[in-house]
């Protein structure tokens, strides 16, 4: 299918805040060098999907500063369409985060995103990105936590996409440093009416329920009964489960030596959506999702270690293999 402007529409549209990321090698209070990159849940998913061969469009706002230029340059280098990204001309800066390893794979993240360009993303910024023929809109619960304008943008995009027959995927992705559980519940529940695929960790499911559920299975059943076609529960090292009206499907995680857990959930989502776009059944989607997540935890960085499509089979090679 070709859009009215003659361009091939994206497989996936996503938007949110992508920040400059400073990564420390040790405790920040001790000083030392910092590595500069970019990070954002939605753009992590976008990069994962683009590396797997899908057409991806990222919409959002960055500051009119060098860090905003870095964000856009990085996304373009990963073959992501940034034609609908907005450079904010009102003085709002590009957001910033700092990460520091503290204990094994435990990482502490500090945000500097209040009043950022990304927090001001609006419906007018993102709705034009939903070209006819788009197959999936991917959202996270981080975006509505950024502020009223971003919350309106998320709800408007979800409603518009759903009405247009575009599959709407919501990864709850709760960030306690951005808002309370009650605030998240208030904002996320209206989104649920437009969501086809909900992805959440076990402790995030209550954030989309009106009242507590006895267990995970009951929570997922109630969400599916409310109109969501599929609920996928991420369990990290314990794998994942998909719930639909036809029942549940489990998949164990891939065994790998964990180096950095940051970005694993986004990698999982990228793999799952890739399988969905390829028409794979649920077990195959879960298999690809836990594989891409394993790549993420086996390497440092939010997205740097994500695989290309021809690398998906590397985990099936014998340990110690050298490819020559």
Protein backbone atom coordinates (compact mmCIF):
# COMPACT_ATOMS: atom_id res chain seq x y z
CA UNK A 1 0.00 0.00 0.00
CA UNK A 2 1.23 3.51 -0.85
CA UNK A 3 0.24 6.63 1.07
CA UNK A 4 -1.35 9.58 -0.76
CA UNK A 5 2.03 11.38 -0.81
CA UNK A 6 3.49 8.46 -2.76
CA UNK A 7 5.55 7.14 0.15
CA UNK A 8 5.34 3.58 1.46
CA UNK A 9 3.68 3.81 4.90
CA UNK A 10 5.57 2.68 7.99
CA UNK A 11 4.88 -0.69 9.55
CA UNK A 12 5.07 0.91 13.00
CA UNK A 13 4.62 4.43 14.31
CA UNK A 14 5.78 5.29 17.80
CA UNK A 15 6.43 8.47 19.73
CA UNK A 16 7.63 9.64 23.10
CA UNK A 17 10.62 11.28 24.69
CA UNK A 18 14.09 10.28 23.63
CA UNK A 19 16.79 11.77 25.83
CA UNK A 20 20.50 12.18 25.83
CA UNK A 21 21.94 9.44 28.05
CA UNK A 22 25.11 9.79 30.12
CA UNK A 23 26.38 6.43 31.35
CA UNK A 24 28.83 6.22 34.23
CA UNK A 25 31.27 3.37 34.78
CA UNK A 26 30.82 3.58 38.55
CA UNK A 27 29.16 5.67 41.28
CA UNK A 28 28.41 9.17 40.01
CA UNK A 29 29.52 10.81 43.27
CA UNK A 30 33.04 9.51 42.67
CA UNK A 31 33.33 11.29 39.33
CA UNK A 32 35.07 9.79 36.36
CA UNK A 33 34.21 9.60 32.70
CA UNK A 34 30.72 9.41 31.21
CA UNK A 35 29.70 7.87 27.90
CA UNK A 36 27.19 9.84 25.81
CA UNK A 37 24.40 8.14 23.88
CA UNK A 38 20.61 8.43 23.59
CA UNK A 39 17.80 6.49 25.25
CA UNK A 40 14.02 6.34 25.34
CA UNK A 41 11.65 3.41 25.63
CA UNK A 42 9.84 4.10 22.37
CA UNK A 43 12.98 4.79 20.36
CA UNK A 44 14.59 1.66 21.82
CA UNK A 45 11.67 -0.32 20.39
CA UNK A 46 11.93 1.59 17.12
CA UNK A 47 15.61 0.71 16.76
CA UNK A 48 14.94 -2.93 17.59
CA UNK A 49 12.24 -3.15 14.93
CA UNK A 50 14.29 -1.30 12.30
CA UNK A 51 17.23 -3.67 12.82
CA UNK A 52 14.84 -6.57 12.23
CA UNK A 53 13.90 -5.09 8.86
CA UNK A 54 10.65 -3.24 9.60
CA UNK A 55 9.77 0.28 8.49
CA UNK A 56 9.50 2.46 11.58
CA UNK A 57 8.53 6.10 12.12
CA UNK A 58 9.36 7.97 15.33
CA UNK A 59 7.54 11.18 16.20
CA UNK A 60 8.31 13.38 19.16
CA UNK A 61 9.98 16.59 20.24
CA UNK A 62 13.62 17.38 20.89
CA UNK A 63 15.26 20.62 21.94
CA UNK A 64 16.90 23.01 19.49
CA UNK A 65 20.26 22.02 20.94
CA UNK A 66 23.17 19.70 20.25
CA UNK A 67 21.63 16.88 22.28
CA UNK A 68 18.46 17.08 20.19
CA UNK A 69 20.59 16.90 17.07
CA UNK A 70 22.28 13.81 18.53
CA UNK A 71 18.91 12.13 19.10
CA UNK A 72 17.74 12.73 15.53
CA UNK A 73 21.09 11.79 14.02
CA UNK A 74 21.17 8.53 15.97
CA UNK A 75 17.65 7.55 14.94
CA UNK A 76 18.28 8.38 11.29
CA UNK A 77 21.48 6.32 11.42
CA UNK A 78 19.33 3.36 12.53
CA UNK A 79 17.12 3.82 9.43
CA UNK A 80 14.18 5.28 11.36
CA UNK A 81 11.90 7.84 9.73
CA UNK A 82 12.14 11.08 11.74
CA UNK A 83 10.27 13.22 9.21
CA UNK A 84 7.52 13.94 11.75
CA UNK A 85 9.86 14.74 14.65
CA UNK A 86 9.66 18.33 15.87
CA UNK A 87 12.54 20.51 17.01
CA UNK A 88 11.16 22.72 19.78
CA UNK A 89 11.80 26.42 19.18
CA UNK A 90 10.51 27.69 22.55
CA UNK A 91 13.66 27.10 24.57
CA UNK A 92 12.69 23.74 26.04
CA UNK A 93 15.77 21.52 26.20
CA UNK A 94 16.28 17.92 25.21
CA UNK A 95 15.79 15.68 28.26
CA UNK A 96 18.71 14.00 29.98
CA UNK A 97 19.24 10.84 32.00
CA UNK A 98 22.20 9.48 33.89
CA UNK A 99 22.76 5.82 34.64
CA UNK A 100 25.18 4.34 37.14
CA UNK A 101 25.88 0.68 37.96
CA UNK A 102 25.52 0.11 41.70
CA UNK A 103 25.39 -3.61 42.50
CA UNK A 104 25.84 -6.37 39.94
CA UNK A 105 23.20 -5.74 37.31
CA UNK A 106 21.34 -3.24 39.52
CA UNK A 107 21.43 0.16 37.82
CA UNK A 108 20.33 3.51 39.22
CA UNK A 109 18.79 6.02 36.79
CA UNK A 110 18.44 9.77 37.41
CA UNK A 111 16.16 11.83 35.17
CA UNK A 112 16.41 15.49 34.17
CA UNK A 113 13.33 15.84 32.01
CA UNK A 114 11.00 18.31 33.79
CA UNK A 115 10.08 21.06 31.31
CA UNK A 116 11.81 19.24 28.48
CA UNK A 117 10.88 19.46 24.82
CA UNK A 118 9.68 15.86 24.90
CA UNK A 119 7.20 16.59 27.68
CA UNK A 120 5.46 19.13 25.43
CA UNK A 121 4.67 16.71 22.59
CA UNK A 122 1.10 17.39 21.42
CA UNK A 123 -1.62 15.70 19.34
CA UNK A 124 -0.76 18.07 16.48
CA UNK A 125 2.79 16.72 16.51
CA UNK A 126 1.92 13.03 16.35
CA UNK A 127 -1.40 12.54 14.54
CA UNK A 128 0.03 13.44 11.09
CA UNK A 129 2.55 10.60 11.55
CA UNK A 130 -0.26 8.02 11.41
CA UNK A 131 -0.23 7.55 7.67
CA UNK A 132 -2.85 5.37 5.95
CA UNK A 133 -1.50 1.84 5.80
CA UNK A 134 0.32 2.01 9.13
CA UNK A 135 -0.03 -1.38 10.81
CA UNK A 136 0.92 -0.77 14.45
CA UNK A 137 0.97 2.21 16.81
CA UNK A 138 3.27 1.54 19.76
CA UNK A 139 2.79 3.56 22.96
CA UNK A 140 4.18 3.36 26.46
CA UNK A 141 2.82 4.51 29.78
CA UNK A 142 5.85 6.78 30.11
CA UNK A 143 4.53 9.37 27.66
CA UNK A 144 1.33 10.34 29.53
CA UNK A 145 3.43 10.64 32.70
CA UNK A 146 5.43 13.50 31.17
CA UNK A 147 2.67 16.09 31.41
CA UNK A 148 -0.84 17.10 30.25
CA UNK A 149 0.11 17.76 26.62
CA UNK A 150 1.91 14.43 26.27
CA UNK A 151 -1.03 12.64 27.92
CA UNK A 152 -3.45 14.21 25.44
CA UNK A 153 -1.18 13.18 22.58
CA UNK A 154 -1.11 9.56 23.73
CA UNK A 155 -4.89 9.36 24.10
CA UNK A 156 -5.58 11.11 20.79
CA UNK A 157 -3.13 8.87 18.91
CA UNK A 158 -4.57 5.70 20.45
CA UNK A 159 -8.14 6.70 19.63
CA UNK A 160 -7.30 7.78 16.08
CA UNK A 161 -5.28 4.65 15.35
CA UNK A 162 -7.92 2.34 16.78
CA UNK A 163 -10.66 3.98 14.71
CA UNK A 164 -8.46 3.59 11.62
CA UNK A 165 -7.95 -0.13 12.15
CA UNK A 166 -4.33 0.23 13.24
CA UNK A 167 -3.25 -2.23 15.95
CA UNK A 168 -2.54 -0.29 19.13
CA UNK A 169 0.14 -1.70 21.44
CA UNK A 170 0.60 -0.28 24.93
CA UNK A 171 3.57 -1.20 27.10
CA UNK A 172 2.65 -0.03 30.61
CA UNK A 173 6.31 0.68 31.50
CA UNK A 174 5.55 2.26 34.87
CA UNK A 175 8.13 4.77 36.16
CA UNK A 176 7.65 5.53 39.85
CA UNK A 177 9.98 8.55 39.59
CA UNK A 178 7.59 10.19 37.13
CA UNK A 179 4.23 9.64 38.83
CA UNK A 180 2.36 7.70 41.48
CA UNK A 181 0.48 4.46 40.91
CA UNK A 182 -2.84 6.29 41.37
CA UNK A 183 -1.88 8.91 38.79
CA UNK A 184 -0.84 6.18 36.37
CA UNK A 185 -4.11 4.30 36.87
CA UNK A 186 -6.15 7.45 36.19
CA UNK A 187 -4.33 8.14 32.93
CA UNK A 188 -3.92 4.59 31.62
CA UNK A 189 -7.43 3.26 32.08
CA UNK A 190 -8.96 5.57 29.40
CA UNK A 191 -6.25 4.40 26.99
CA UNK A 192 -7.29 0.78 27.47
CA UNK A 193 -10.49 1.26 25.45
CA UNK A 194 -8.34 1.75 22.34
CA UNK A 195 -5.67 -0.90 23.01
CA UNK A 196 -5.42 -4.21 21.13
CA UNK A 197 -2.19 -5.53 22.65
CA UNK A 198 -1.23 -4.77 26.25
CA UNK A 199 2.28 -5.58 27.48
CA UNK A 200 3.12 -5.33 31.16
CA UNK A 201 5.19 -6.83 33.93
CA UNK A 202 3.38 -8.73 36.66
CA UNK A 203 3.35 -5.79 39.06
CA UNK A 204 2.04 -3.40 36.39
CA UNK A 205 -1.22 -5.21 35.63
CA UNK A 206 -3.07 -3.64 38.61
CA UNK A 207 -2.45 -0.20 37.07
CA UNK A 208 -5.05 -0.87 34.37
CA UNK A 209 -7.66 -2.53 36.58
CA UNK A 210 -10.59 -0.85 38.35
CA UNK A 211 -10.25 -3.19 41.32
CA UNK A 212 -7.64 -5.70 42.50
CA UNK A 213 -7.55 -9.18 40.95
CA UNK A 214 -6.94 -12.40 42.86
CA UNK A 215 -4.02 -13.32 40.62
CA UNK A 216 -2.33 -12.59 37.30
CA UNK A 217 -4.59 -14.92 35.34
CA UNK A 218 -7.74 -13.23 36.62
CA UNK A 219 -6.26 -9.81 35.87
CA UNK A 220 -5.43 -10.80 32.29
CA UNK A 221 -8.85 -12.40 31.77
CA UNK A 222 -10.59 -9.24 32.92
CA UNK A 223 -8.49 -7.08 30.60
CA UNK A 224 -9.24 -9.37 27.64
CA UNK A 225 -12.94 -9.40 28.53
CA UNK A 226 -12.86 -5.59 28.43
CA UNK A 227 -11.88 -5.70 24.74
CA UNK A 228 -8.08 -5.99 24.64
CA UNK A 229 -7.25 -8.82 22.24
CA UNK A 230 -4.05 -9.95 23.94
CA UNK A 231 -2.19 -9.39 27.20
CA UNK A 232 1.50 -10.26 27.35
CA UNK A 233 3.13 -10.46 30.77
CA UNK A 234 6.90 -10.00 30.95
CA UNK A 235 8.71 -11.84 33.75
CA UNK A 236 12.33 -11.10 32.99
CA UNK A 237 14.51 -14.14 33.68
CA UNK A 238 11.36 -16.24 34.16
CA UNK A 239 10.13 -15.72 30.62
CA UNK A 240 6.74 -14.44 29.52
CA UNK A 241 3.10 -15.43 29.06
CA UNK A 242 0.53 -14.38 26.48
CA UNK A 243 -3.16 -14.38 27.43
CA UNK A 244 -5.98 -14.29 24.87
CA UNK A 245 -9.60 -15.37 24.83
CA UNK A 246 -8.33 -18.78 23.66
CA UNK A 247 -6.07 -19.33 26.67
CA UNK A 248 -2.49 -18.77 27.80
CA UNK A 249 0.87 -19.52 26.19
CA UNK A 250 4.16 -19.55 28.13
CA UNK A 251 7.75 -19.14 27.01
CA UNK A 252 10.88 -19.50 29.12
CA UNK A 253 13.62 -16.88 28.88
CA UNK A 254 16.81 -17.57 26.95
CA UNK A 255 19.72 -18.47 29.23
CA UNK A 256 22.42 -15.83 29.01
CA UNK A 257 25.00 -14.19 31.29
CA UNK A 258 23.37 -10.86 32.16
CA UNK A 259 25.54 -7.77 31.80
CA UNK A 260 23.02 -4.92 31.77
CA UNK A 261 19.26 -5.29 32.32
CA UNK A 262 18.35 -1.77 31.16
CA UNK A 263 16.43 -1.91 27.89
CA UNK A 264 15.51 -5.59 28.13
CA UNK A 265 11.78 -4.88 28.26
CA UNK A 266 11.95 -2.65 25.19
CA UNK A 267 13.93 -5.31 23.34
CA UNK A 268 11.25 -7.85 24.27
CA UNK A 269 8.54 -5.59 22.84
CA UNK A 270 10.49 -5.07 19.62
CA UNK A 271 10.85 -8.81 19.15
CA UNK A 272 7.19 -9.45 19.91
CA UNK A 273 5.95 -6.79 17.50
CA UNK A 274 8.35 -8.06 14.85
CA UNK A 275 6.81 -11.51 15.10
CA UNK A 276 3.34 -10.00 14.96
CA UNK A 277 4.21 -8.04 11.82
CA UNK A 278 5.61 -11.20 10.24
CA UNK A 279 2.34 -13.04 10.88
CA UNK A 280 3.93 -15.46 13.36
CA UNK A 281 1.78 -17.31 15.86
CA UNK A 282 1.97 -16.48 19.57
CA UNK A 283 4.62 -19.10 20.51
CA UNK A 284 6.87 -17.84 17.71
CA UNK A 285 6.32 -14.22 18.75
CA UNK A 286 7.27 -15.06 22.32
CA UNK A 287 10.34 -16.94 21.12
CA UNK A 288 11.54 -13.93 19.13
CA UNK A 289 10.74 -11.60 22.04
CA UNK A 290 12.78 -13.52 24.61
CA UNK A 291 15.60 -13.80 22.07
CA UNK A 292 15.82 -10.06 21.44
CA UNK A 293 15.58 -9.47 25.20
CA UNK A 294 18.50 -11.85 25.71
CA UNK A 295 20.62 -9.83 23.29
CA UNK A 296 19.80 -6.71 25.30
CA UNK A 297 20.82 -8.11 28.69
CA UNK A 298 23.99 -9.69 27.29
CA UNK A 299 25.35 -6.28 26.17
CA UNK A 300 25.67 -2.82 27.72
CA UNK A 301 23.36 0.00 26.70
CA UNK A 302 19.66 0.40 26.13
CA UNK A 303 19.70 -0.55 22.44
CA UNK A 304 23.28 -0.87 21.19
CA UNK A 305 23.33 -4.69 21.35
CA UNK A 306 19.99 -5.32 19.66
CA UNK A 307 20.22 -7.88 16.84
CA UNK A 308 19.68 -7.65 13.12
CA UNK A 309 17.42 -10.28 11.59
CA UNK A 310 20.31 -12.45 10.45
CA UNK A 311 21.72 -12.46 14.00
CA UNK A 312 18.61 -13.91 15.64
CA UNK A 313 20.02 -17.43 15.33
CA UNK A 314 23.28 -16.67 17.15
CA UNK A 315 21.92 -17.97 20.46
CA UNK A 316 21.44 -21.35 18.83
CA UNK A 317 25.17 -21.68 18.10
CA UNK A 318 27.24 -23.83 20.50
CA UNK A 319 28.90 -21.94 23.33
CA UNK A 320 32.34 -20.70 22.35
CA UNK A 321 31.61 -20.71 18.61
CA UNK A 322 33.69 -18.38 16.45
CA UNK A 323 32.07 -17.36 13.17
CA UNK A 324 34.72 -17.02 10.49
